[in-house]
C-alpha atoms as a PDB file:
ATOM      1  CA  MET A   1      -3.901 -11.782  29.574  1.00  0.00           C
ATOM      2  CA  VAL A   2      -6.406 -12.887  26.916  1.00  0.00           C
ATOM      3  CA  THR A   3      -7.400  -9.254  26.336  1.00  0.00           C
ATOM      4  CA  PHE A   4      -3.757  -8.278  25.928  1.00  0.00           C
ATOM      5  CA  LEU A   5      -3.217 -11.073  23.393  1.00  0.00           C
ATOM      6  CA  ASN A   6      -6.352 -10.034  21.527  1.00  0.00           C
ATOM      7  CA  VAL A   7      -5.115  -6.462  21.191  1.00  0.00           C
ATOM      8  CA  VAL A   8      -1.537  -7.413  20.210  1.00  0.00           C
ATOM      9  CA  ILE A   9      -2.481 -10.095  17.691  1.00  0.00           C
ATOM     10  CA  ALA A  10      -5.194  -7.881  16.181  1.00  0.00           C
ATOM     11  CA  GLY A  11      -2.595  -5.119  15.859  1.00  0.00           C
ATOM     12  CA  LEU A  12      -0.142  -7.436  14.109  1.00  0.00           C
ATOM     13  CA  LEU A  13      -2.836  -8.666  11.719  1.00  0.00           C
ATOM     14  CA  LEU A  14      -3.760  -5.077  10.846  1.00  0.00           C
ATOM     15  CA  GLY A  15      -0.122  -4.018  10.732  1.00  0.00           C
ATOM     16  CA  GLY A  16       0.724  -6.632   8.106  1.00  0.00           C
ATOM     17  CA  LEU A  17      -1.788  -5.071   5.719  1.00  0.00           C
ATOM     18  CA  TYR A  18      -0.635  -1.540   6.531  1.00  0.00           C
ATOM     19  CA  ALA A  19       2.984  -2.528   5.907  1.00  0.00           C
ATOM     20  CA  LEU A  20       2.202  -3.958   2.468  1.00  0.00           C
ATOM     21  CA  ILE A  21       0.125  -0.916   1.507  1.00  0.00           C
ATOM     22  CA  ALA A  22       2.806   1.517   2.655  1.00  0.00           C
ATOM     23  CA  MET A  23       5.678  -0.271   0.902  1.00  0.00           C
ATOM     24  CA  GLY A  24       3.952   0.393  -2.409  1.00  0.00           C
ATOM     25  CA  LEU A  25       3.451   4.094  -1.698  1.00  0.00           C
ATOM     26  CA  SER A  26       7.010   4.378  -0.395  1.00  0.00           C
ATOM     27  CA  LEU A  27       8.263   3.298  -3.820  1.00  0.00           C
ATOM     28  CA  GLN A  28       5.998   5.705  -5.654  1.00  0.00           C
ATOM     29  CA  TYR A  29       6.546   8.701  -3.402  1.00  0.00           C
ATOM     30  CA  GLY A  30      10.020   8.070  -2.040  1.00  0.00           C
ATOM     31  CA  VAL A  31      11.647   6.820  -5.257  1.00  0.00           C
ATOM     32  CA  ALA A  32       9.492   7.862  -8.238  1.00  0.00           C
ATOM     33  CA  ARG A  33       8.742  11.228  -6.553  1.00  0.00           C
ATOM     34  CA  VAL A  34       5.006  10.904  -7.214  1.00  0.00           C
ATOM     35  CA  ALA A  35       2.709  11.908  -4.348  1.00  0.00           C
ATOM     36  CA  ASN A  36       0.115   9.407  -5.495  1.00  0.00           C
ATOM     37  CA  PHE A  37      -3.247  10.207  -3.930  1.00  0.00           C
ATOM     38  CA  SER A  38      -4.820   7.530  -6.133  1.00  0.00           C
ATOM     39  CA  HIS A  39      -2.806   4.779  -4.406  1.00  0.00           C
ATOM     40  CA  GLY A  40      -5.857   3.502  -2.553  1.00  0.00           C
ATOM     41  CA  GLU A  41      -7.731   3.007  -5.811  1.00  0.00           C
ATOM     42  CA  PHE A  42      -5.314   0.238  -6.774  1.00  0.00           C
ATOM     43  CA  ILE A  43      -6.113  -1.384  -3.425  1.00  0.00           C
ATOM     44  CA  MET A  44      -9.798  -1.040  -4.253  1.00  0.00           C
ATOM     45  CA  LEU A  45      -9.270  -2.600  -7.689  1.00  0.00           C
ATOM     46  CA  GLY A  46      -7.482  -5.580  -6.134  1.00  0.00           C
ATOM     47  CA  GLY A  47     -10.322  -6.103  -3.670  1.00  0.00           C
ATOM     48  CA  MET A  48     -13.145  -5.721  -6.170  1.00  0.00           C
ATOM     49  CA  ILE A  49     -11.501  -7.922  -8.823  1.00  0.00           C
ATOM     50  CA  THR A  50     -10.940 -10.615  -6.188  1.00  0.00           C
ATOM     51  CA  TRP A  51     -14.571 -10.410  -5.094  1.00  0.00           C
ATOM     52  CA  THR A  52     -15.654 -10.862  -8.721  1.00  0.00           C
ATOM     53  CA  LEU A  53     -13.283 -13.751  -9.446  1.00  0.00           C
ATOM     54  CA  TYR A  54     -14.282 -15.587  -6.257  1.00  0.00           C
ATOM     55  CA  THR A  55     -18.045 -15.053  -6.304  1.00  0.00           C
ATOM     56  CA  VAL A  56     -18.595 -15.345 -10.055  1.00  0.00           C
ATOM     57  CA  PHE A  57     -15.908 -17.782 -11.189  1.00  0.00           C
ATOM     58  CA  GLY A  58     -15.054 -19.557  -7.928  1.00  0.00           C
ATOM     59  CA  ILE A  59     -11.327 -18.736  -8.116  1.00  0.00           C
ATOM     60  CA  ASN A  60      -9.482 -19.039  -4.800  1.00  0.00           C
ATOM     61  CA  PRO A  61      -8.705 -15.539  -3.436  1.00  0.00           C
ATOM     62  CA  LEU A  62      -5.076 -16.511  -2.823  1.00  0.00           C
ATOM     63  CA  LEU A  63      -4.733 -17.385  -6.503  1.00  0.00           C
ATOM     64  CA  CYS A  64      -6.099 -13.930  -7.279  1.00  0.00           C
ATOM     65  CA  LEU A  65      -2.786 -12.530  -6.022  1.00  0.00           C
ATOM     66  CA  ALA A  66      -1.247 -13.861  -9.241  1.00  0.00           C
ATOM     67  CA  VAL A  67      -3.920 -12.032 -11.244  1.00  0.00           C
ATOM     68  CA  CYS A  68      -4.294  -8.701  -9.445  1.00  0.00           C
ATOM     69  CA  GLY A  69      -0.568  -8.167  -8.900  1.00  0.00           C
ATOM     70  CA  PRO A  70       0.374  -8.234 -12.616  1.00  0.00           C
ATOM     71  CA  LEU A  71      -2.778  -6.348 -13.667  1.00  0.00           C
ATOM     72  CA  THR A  72      -2.189  -3.439 -11.298  1.00  0.00           C
ATOM     73  CA  PHE A  73       1.538  -3.451 -12.142  1.00  0.00           C
ATOM     74  CA  ILE A  74       0.762  -3.032 -15.844  1.00  0.00           C
ATOM     75  CA  LEU A  75      -1.750  -0.275 -15.103  1.00  0.00           C
ATOM     76  CA  GLY A  76       0.700   1.568 -12.860  1.00  0.00           C
ATOM     77  CA  TYR A  77       3.569   1.194 -15.330  1.00  0.00           C
ATOM     78  CA  ILE A  78       1.479   2.540 -18.217  1.00  0.00           C
ATOM     79  CA  LEU A  79       0.197   5.463 -16.129  1.00  0.00           C
ATOM     80  CA  HIS A  80       3.723   6.515 -15.208  1.00  0.00           C
ATOM     81  CA  ARG A  81       5.026   6.254 -18.783  1.00  0.00           C
ATOM     82  CA  THR A  82       2.081   8.155 -20.242  1.00  0.00           C
ATOM     83  CA  VAL A  83       1.166  10.666 -17.520  1.00  0.00           C
ATOM     84  CA  PHE A  84       3.825  11.238 -14.874  1.00  0.00           C
ATOM     85  CA  LYS A  85       6.836  10.973 -17.201  1.00  0.00           C
ATOM     86  CA  ARG A  86       5.384  13.691 -19.417  1.00  0.00           C
ATOM     87  CA  LEU A  87       4.584  15.828 -16.399  1.00  0.00           C
ATOM     88  CA  SER A  88       8.195  15.447 -15.278  1.00  0.00           C
ATOM     89  CA  GLU A  89       9.516  16.451 -18.698  1.00  0.00           C
ATOM     90  CA  SER A  90       7.313  19.560 -18.792  1.00  0.00           C
ATOM     91  CA  SER A  91       8.150  20.662 -15.234  1.00  0.00           C
ATOM     92  CA  GLU A  92      10.784  23.326 -14.565  1.00  0.00           C
ATOM     93  CA  SER A  93      11.897  21.751 -11.273  1.00  0.00           C
ATOM     94  CA  PRO A  94      11.244  18.710  -9.028  1.00  0.00           C
ATOM     95  CA  ALA A  95       9.041  20.869  -6.805  1.00  0.00           C
ATOM     96  CA  VAL A  96       6.845  21.814  -9.765  1.00  0.00           C
ATOM     97  CA  PHE A  97       6.635  18.171 -10.797  1.00  0.00           C
ATOM     98  CA  GLU A  98       5.510  17.117  -7.307  1.00  0.00           C
ATOM     99  CA  SER A  99       2.768  19.750  -7.383  1.00  0.00           C
ATOM    100  CA  LYS A 100       1.590  18.614 -10.806  1.00  0.00           C
ATOM    101  CA  SER A 101       1.716  14.943  -9.781  1.00  0.00           C
ATOM    102  CA  VAL A 102      -0.551  15.639  -6.804  1.00  0.00           C
ATOM    103  CA  LEU A 103      -3.171  17.198  -9.085  1.00  0.00           C
ATOM    104  CA  ALA A 104      -2.819  14.413 -11.661  1.00  0.00           C
ATOM    105  CA  SER A 105      -3.158  11.695  -9.015  1.00  0.00           C
ATOM    106  CA  PHE A 106      -6.320  13.346  -7.677  1.00  0.00           C
ATOM    107  CA  ALA A 107      -7.724  13.248 -11.196  1.00  0.00           C
ATOM    108  CA  LEU A 108      -6.793   9.548 -11.478  1.00  0.00           C
ATOM    109  CA  LEU A 109      -8.478   8.892  -8.128  1.00  0.00           C
ATOM    110  CA  PHE A 110     -11.837  10.131  -9.414  1.00  0.00           C
ATOM    111  CA  ILE A 111     -11.425   8.560 -12.858  1.00  0.00           C
ATOM    112  CA  ILE A 112     -10.671   5.090 -11.467  1.00  0.00           C
ATOM    113  CA  GLN A 113     -13.327   5.425  -8.774  1.00  0.00           C
ATOM    114  CA  ASN A 114     -16.048   6.444 -11.219  1.00  0.00           C
ATOM    115  CA  VAL A 115     -15.161   3.774 -13.765  1.00  0.00           C
ATOM    116  CA  ALA A 116     -15.280   1.206 -10.940  1.00  0.00           C
ATOM    117  CA  SER A 117     -18.676   2.568  -9.858  1.00  0.00           C
ATOM    118  CA  ILE A 118     -20.016   1.980 -13.363  1.00  0.00           C
ATOM    119  CA  GLY A 119     -18.745  -1.601 -13.330  1.00  0.00           C
ATOM    120  CA  TRP A 120     -19.514  -2.681  -9.761  1.00  0.00           C
ATOM    121  CA  GLY A 121     -21.992  -0.145  -8.441  1.00  0.00           C
ATOM    122  CA  PRO A 122     -21.962   1.533  -5.002  1.00  0.00           C
ATOM    123  CA  GLU A 123     -22.907  -1.565  -2.988  1.00  0.00           C
ATOM    124  CA  ILE A 124     -20.629  -2.965  -0.284  1.00  0.00           C
ATOM    125  CA  ARG A 125     -19.349  -6.405  -1.317  1.00  0.00           C
ATOM    126  CA  ALA A 126     -18.158  -9.243   0.891  1.00  0.00           C
ATOM    127  CA  TYR A 127     -17.568 -12.979   0.742  1.00  0.00           C
ATOM    128  CA  SER A 128     -16.772 -15.713   3.228  1.00  0.00           C
ATOM    129  CA  TYR A 129     -13.400 -17.425   2.987  1.00  0.00           C
ATOM    130  CA  LEU A 130     -11.501 -19.397   5.662  1.00  0.00           C
ATOM    131  CA  ARG A 131     -13.593 -17.938   8.469  1.00  0.00           C
ATOM    132  CA  VAL A 132     -12.771 -20.905  10.701  1.00  0.00           C
ATOM    133  CA  PRO A 133     -11.982 -19.772  14.270  1.00  0.00           C
ATOM    134  CA  VAL A 134      -8.422 -20.345  15.492  1.00  0.00           C
ATOM    135  CA  ASP A 135      -7.613 -20.251  19.213  1.00  0.00           C
ATOM    136  CA  ILE A 136      -4.249 -18.719  20.175  1.00  0.00           C
ATOM    137  CA  ALA A 137      -3.781 -18.976  23.950  1.00  0.00           C
ATOM    138  CA  GLY A 138      -7.421 -18.050  24.478  1.00  0.00           C
ATOM    139  CA  ALA A 139      -7.542 -15.318  21.832  1.00  0.00           C
ATOM    140  CA  VAL A 140      -9.786 -16.369  18.933  1.00  0.00           C
ATOM    141  CA  PHE A 141      -9.253 -15.142  15.366  1.00  0.00           C
ATOM    142  CA  GLY A 142     -10.466 -16.201  11.949  1.00  0.00           C
ATOM    143  CA  ALA A 143      -8.087 -18.376   9.957  1.00  0.00           C
ATOM    144  CA  ASN A 144      -8.458 -15.952   7.029  1.00  0.00           C
ATOM    145  CA  ARG A 145      -6.836 -13.156   9.049  1.00  0.00           C
ATOM    146  CA  LEU A 146      -3.900 -15.342  10.048  1.00  0.00           C
ATOM    147  CA  VAL A 147      -3.397 -16.439   6.442  1.00  0.00           C
ATOM    148  CA  THR A 148      -3.573 -12.794   5.397  1.00  0.00           C
ATOM    149  CA  LEU A 149      -0.835 -11.878   7.880  1.00  0.00           C
ATOM    150  CA  GLY A 150       1.375 -14.712   6.635  1.00  0.00           C
ATOM    151  CA  PHE A 151       1.010 -13.700   2.991  1.00  0.00           C
ATOM    152  CA  ALA A 152       1.497 -10.002   3.767  1.00  0.00           C
ATOM    153  CA  ILE A 153       4.773 -10.750   5.549  1.00  0.00           C
ATOM    154  CA  ALA A 154       5.896 -13.155   2.805  1.00  0.00           C
ATOM    155  CA  ILE A 155       5.174 -10.656   0.021  1.00  0.00           C
ATOM    156  CA  GLY A 156       6.845  -7.830   1.943  1.00  0.00           C
ATOM    157  CA  LEU A 157       9.995  -9.835   2.696  1.00  0.00           C
ATOM    158  CA  THR A 158      10.191 -11.138  -0.876  1.00  0.00           C
ATOM    159  CA  PHE A 159      10.034  -7.625  -2.240  1.00  0.00           C
ATOM    160  CA  TYR A 160      12.623  -6.432   0.284  1.00  0.00           C
ATOM    161  CA  LEU A 161      15.002  -9.176  -0.854  1.00  0.00           C
ATOM    162  CA  PHE A 162      14.332  -8.171  -4.461  1.00  0.00           C
ATOM    163  CA  VAL A 163      15.284  -4.553  -3.705  1.00  0.00           C
ATOM    164  CA  THR A 164      18.395  -5.456  -1.690  1.00  0.00           C
ATOM    165  CA  ARG A 165      19.760  -8.507  -3.521  1.00  0.00           C
ATOM    166  CA  THR A 166      19.100  -8.025  -7.238  1.00  0.00           C
ATOM    167  CA  ARG A 167      20.644  -5.819  -9.916  1.00  0.00           C
ATOM    168  CA  MET A 168      17.311  -4.119 -10.561  1.00  0.00           C
ATOM    169  CA  GLY A 169      16.925  -3.504  -6.833  1.00  0.00           C
ATOM    170  CA  LYS A 170      20.350  -1.851  -6.783  1.00  0.00           C
ATOM    171  CA  ALA A 171      19.237   0.413  -9.651  1.00  0.00           C
ATOM    172  CA  ILE A 172      16.094   1.319  -7.700  1.00  0.00           C
ATOM    173  CA  ARG A 173      18.119   2.228  -4.614  1.00  0.00           C
ATOM    174  CA  ALA A 174      20.547   4.259  -6.714  1.00  0.00           C
ATOM    175  CA  ALA A 175      17.689   6.162  -8.364  1.00  0.00           C
ATOM    176  CA  ALA A 176      16.218   6.881  -4.941  1.00  0.00           C
ATOM    177  CA  GLN A 177      19.488   8.267  -3.551  1.00  0.00           C
ATOM    178  CA  ASP A 178      20.735  10.294  -6.540  1.00  0.00           C
ATOM    179  CA  PRO A 179      18.898  10.011  -9.875  1.00  0.00           C
ATOM    180  CA  ALA A 180      21.361  12.207 -11.763  1.00  0.00           C
ATOM    181  CA  THR A 181      24.440  10.218 -10.707  1.00  0.00           C
ATOM    182  CA  ALA A 182      22.623   6.904 -11.239  1.00  0.00           C
ATOM    183  CA  GLY A 183      21.821   8.029 -14.782  1.00  0.00           C
ATOM    184  CA  LEU A 184      25.487   8.818 -15.427  1.00  0.00           C
ATOM    185  CA  MET A 185      26.349   5.306 -14.233  1.00  0.00           C
ATOM    186  CA  GLY A 186      24.145   3.764 -16.913  1.00  0.00           C
ATOM    187  CA  VAL A 187      20.840   3.374 -15.061  1.00  0.00           C
ATOM    188  CA  ASN A 188      17.807   3.990 -17.270  1.00  0.00           C
ATOM    189  CA  ILE A 189      16.102   6.385 -14.863  1.00  0.00           C
ATOM    190  CA  ASP A 190      12.838   6.676 -16.796  1.00  0.00           C
ATOM    191  CA  MET A 191      12.462   2.899 -16.892  1.00  0.00           C
ATOM    192  CA  VAL A 192      13.370   2.457 -13.216  1.00  0.00           C
ATOM    193  CA  LEU A 193      10.923   5.136 -12.060  1.00  0.00           C
ATOM    194  CA  ALA A 194       8.127   3.615 -14.146  1.00  0.00           C
ATOM    195  CA  LEU A 195       8.936   0.181 -12.696  1.00  0.00           C
ATOM    196  CA  CYS A 196       8.841   1.623  -9.168  1.00  0.00           C
ATOM    197  CA  PHE A 197       5.416   3.105  -9.814  1.00  0.00           C
ATOM    198  CA  GLY A 198       4.268  -0.212 -11.286  1.00  0.00           C
ATOM    199  CA  PHE A 199       5.671  -2.223  -8.360  1.00  0.00           C
ATOM    200  CA  GLY A 200       3.939   0.157  -5.948  1.00  0.00           C
ATOM    201  CA  ALA A 201       0.638  -0.374  -7.748  1.00  0.00           C
ATOM    202  CA  ALA A 202       1.188  -4.158  -7.713  1.00  0.00           C
ATOM    203  CA  LEU A 203       1.802  -4.198  -3.955  1.00  0.00           C
ATOM    204  CA  ALA A 204      -1.362  -2.132  -3.490  1.00  0.00           C
ATOM    205  CA  GLY A 205      -3.356  -4.503  -5.704  1.00  0.00           C
ATOM    206  CA  MET A 206      -2.150  -7.545  -3.751  1.00  0.00           C
ATOM    207  CA  ALA A 207      -2.939  -5.772  -0.484  1.00  0.00           C
ATOM    208  CA  GLY A 208      -6.465  -5.269  -1.842  1.00  0.00           C
ATOM    209  CA  VAL A 209      -6.750  -9.011  -2.421  1.00  0.00           C
ATOM    210  CA  LEU A 210      -5.785  -9.722   1.195  1.00  0.00           C
ATOM    211  CA  ILE A 211      -8.067  -6.993   2.545  1.00  0.00           C
ATOM    212  CA  SER A 212     -11.040  -8.485   0.677  1.00  0.00           C
ATOM    213  CA  MET A 213     -10.446 -11.793   2.502  1.00  0.00           C
ATOM    214  CA  CYS A 214     -11.065 -10.109   5.864  1.00  0.00           C
ATOM    215  CA  TYR A 215     -13.175  -7.006   5.307  1.00  0.00           C
ATOM    216  CA  PRO A 216     -16.027  -5.861   3.031  1.00  0.00           C
ATOM    217  CA  VAL A 217     -14.918  -3.935  -0.056  1.00  0.00           C
ATOM    218  CA  HIS A 218     -16.532  -1.133  -2.069  1.00  0.00           C
ATOM    219  CA  VAL A 219     -15.529   1.317  -4.778  1.00  0.00           C
ATOM    220  CA  VAL A 220     -14.908   4.289  -2.451  1.00  0.00           C
ATOM    221  CA  MET A 221     -12.717   2.448   0.043  1.00  0.00           C
ATOM    222  CA  GLY A 222      -9.431   3.681  -1.414  1.00  0.00           C
ATOM    223  CA  GLN A 223      -9.145   7.120   0.162  1.00  0.00           C
ATOM    224  CA  GLU A 224      -8.951   5.826   3.734  1.00  0.00           C
ATOM    225  CA  TYR A 225      -6.147   3.420   2.825  1.00  0.00           C
ATOM    226  CA  THR A 226      -4.255   6.141   0.949  1.00  0.00           C
ATOM    227  CA  ILE A 227      -4.219   8.291   4.072  1.00  0.00           C
ATOM    228  CA  ILE A 228      -3.087   5.364   6.222  1.00  0.00           C
ATOM    229  CA  ALA A 229      -0.329   4.545   3.723  1.00  0.00           C
ATOM    230  CA  MET A 230       0.936   8.123   3.803  1.00  0.00           C
ATOM    231  CA  ILE A 231       1.021   8.126   7.588  1.00  0.00           C
ATOM    232  CA  VAL A 232       2.982   4.842   7.604  1.00  0.00           C
ATOM    233  CA  VAL A 233       5.427   6.140   4.975  1.00  0.00           C
ATOM    234  CA  VAL A 234       6.134   9.233   7.091  1.00  0.00           C
ATOM    235  CA  LEU A 235       6.346   7.088  10.227  1.00  0.00           C
ATOM    236  CA  GLY A 236       8.825   4.673   8.645  1.00  0.00           C
ATOM    237  CA  GLY A 237      10.850   7.257   6.753  1.00  0.00           C
ATOM    238  CA  LEU A 238      10.314   8.593   3.246  1.00  0.00           C
ATOM    239  CA  GLY A 239      11.656   6.143   0.650  1.00  0.00           C
ATOM    240  CA  SER A 240      12.641   3.504   3.220  1.00  0.00           C
ATOM    241  CA  ILE A 241      11.181   0.089   2.377  1.00  0.00           C
ATOM    242  CA  PRO A 242      12.172  -1.479   5.751  1.00  0.00           C
ATOM    243  CA  GLY A 243      10.887   1.650   7.493  1.00  0.00           C
ATOM    244  CA  SER A 244       7.484   1.305   5.825  1.00  0.00           C
ATOM    245  CA  PHE A 245       7.367  -2.377   6.769  1.00  0.00           C
ATOM    246  CA  ILE A 246       8.155  -1.642  10.424  1.00  0.00           C
ATOM    247  CA  GLY A 247       5.956   1.466  10.475  1.00  0.00           C
ATOM    248  CA  GLY A 248       2.978  -0.548   9.260  1.00  0.00           C
ATOM    249  CA  PHE A 249       3.172  -2.898  12.222  1.00  0.00           C
ATOM    250  CA  VAL A 250       3.718  -0.002  14.651  1.00  0.00           C
ATOM    251  CA  LEU A 251       0.641   1.818  13.355  1.00  0.00           C
ATOM    252  CA  GLY A 252      -1.349  -1.422  13.373  1.00  0.00           C
ATOM    253  CA  LEU A 253      -0.554  -1.983  17.051  1.00  0.00           C
ATOM    254  CA  ILE A 254      -1.419   1.628  17.918  1.00  0.00           C
ATOM    255  CA  GLY A 255      -4.681   1.339  15.988  1.00  0.00           C
ATOM    256  CA  SER A 256      -5.564  -1.890  17.773  1.00  0.00           C
ATOM    257  CA  VAL A 257      -4.989  -0.342  21.208  1.00  0.00           C
ATOM    258  CA  VAL A 258      -7.018   2.779  20.364  1.00  0.00           C
ATOM    259  CA  THR A 259      -9.813   0.686  18.822  1.00  0.00           C
ATOM    260  CA  TYR A 260      -9.989  -1.393  22.000  1.00  0.00           C
ATOM    261  CA  LEU A 261     -10.352   1.798  24.088  1.00  0.00           C
ATOM    262  CA  ASP A 262     -12.708   3.617  21.682  1.00  0.00           C
ATOM    263  CA  PRO A 263     -13.322   2.395  18.095  1.00  0.00           C
ATOM    264  CA  GLY A 264     -14.342   5.865  16.948  1.00  0.00           C
ATOM    265  CA  LEU A 265     -10.942   7.367  17.763  1.00  0.00           C
ATOM    266  CA  ALA A 266      -8.753   5.142  15.550  1.00  0.00           C
ATOM    267  CA  LEU A 267      -8.516   7.530  12.583  1.00  0.00           C
ATOM    268  CA  VAL A 268      -8.174  10.491  14.954  1.00  0.00           C
ATOM    269  CA  ALA A 269      -5.158   8.780  16.522  1.00  0.00           C
ATOM    270  CA  TYR A 270      -3.633   8.182  13.087  1.00  0.00           C
ATOM    271  CA  TYR A 271      -3.986  11.853  12.115  1.00  0.00           C
ATOM    272  CA  LEU A 272      -2.546  12.949  15.461  1.00  0.00           C
ATOM    273  CA  ILE A 273       0.483  10.681  14.964  1.00  0.00           C
ATOM    274  CA  PHE A 274       0.918  12.111  11.459  1.00  0.00           C
ATOM    275  CA  ILE A 275       0.948  15.717  12.716  1.00  0.00           C
ATOM    276  CA  LEU A 276       3.304  14.929  15.614  1.00  0.00           C
ATOM    277  CA  LEU A 277       5.723  13.150  13.283  1.00  0.00           C
ATOM    278  CA  LEU A 278       5.836  16.123  10.909  1.00  0.00           C
ATOM    279  CA  LEU A 279       6.516  18.447  13.837  1.00  0.00           C
ATOM    280  CA  VAL A 280       8.921  16.332  15.914  1.00  0.00           C
ATOM    281  CA  LYS A 281      10.613  13.789  13.626  1.00  0.00           C
ATOM    282  CA  PRO A 282       9.729  14.279   9.962  1.00  0.00           C
ATOM    283  CA  THR A 283      12.484  11.846   8.911  1.00  0.00           C
ATOM    284  CA  GLY A 284      10.564   8.946  10.494  1.00  0.00           C
ATOM    285  CA  ILE A 285      11.954   5.783  12.069  1.00  0.00           C
ATOM    286  CA  MET A 286      14.525   4.905   9.407  1.00  0.00           C
ATOM    287  CA  GLY A 287      14.604   8.035   7.256  1.00  0.00           C
ATOM    288  CA  ARG A 288      17.630  10.228   6.757  1.00  0.00           C
END
């Protein structure tokens, strides 16, 4: 029973982070139509900035959410307005734009990664925060991981309410369903798409903050999280925010089970799920 609880709770803790990461990519890929392979670099930036603020200036990592979120939002917004918007305008079709955006995001991946390497170096960084053991029916976890899960769920639900209950959220959903018609109805499509890319970057940056509270961080950590985010987005359904949220927890539970059986097979299991989804149900859990 204790082993079962260990696996389930560990899966939920991991799933909360995956859900937050994937929600950001779902906005960028499912709404803004940008296959952003540099998504993980915003996660890396959130983690490395948090490490710096905590170890150098003594700022509480949870307060760093209020720093990294806006910073990565601004960076993402500017990148979309200056890079991806121009690529869209110069593309003959949406398919051409998606191809160009893939190449541009790869370039951004290496640019951000190399700039970060100059600033922080290649070393693996870590800090200790709320590592007090908490016993849950015999299963013991660090308090930092439980706090991380709580904040991941809170941020995810807050953003979901923003998308479903606000005027801007309605514009985002309209742009996702039919950009041309939404534009005719008065929605500023260019602004909405840039905001979606910025919000996606902000969610990634905040996920990086939470990841740094539980795991070591380094400047080349982003690629692994980008791949995981893409798998979760496909699992949940392209462009579906609730689907990404649910898919994150599903993948977290699967990863926890596989890690318990053989830690070396976790990424293999993720790739296998990705291939099977594309073959059997490419629409995902909540996709159309």
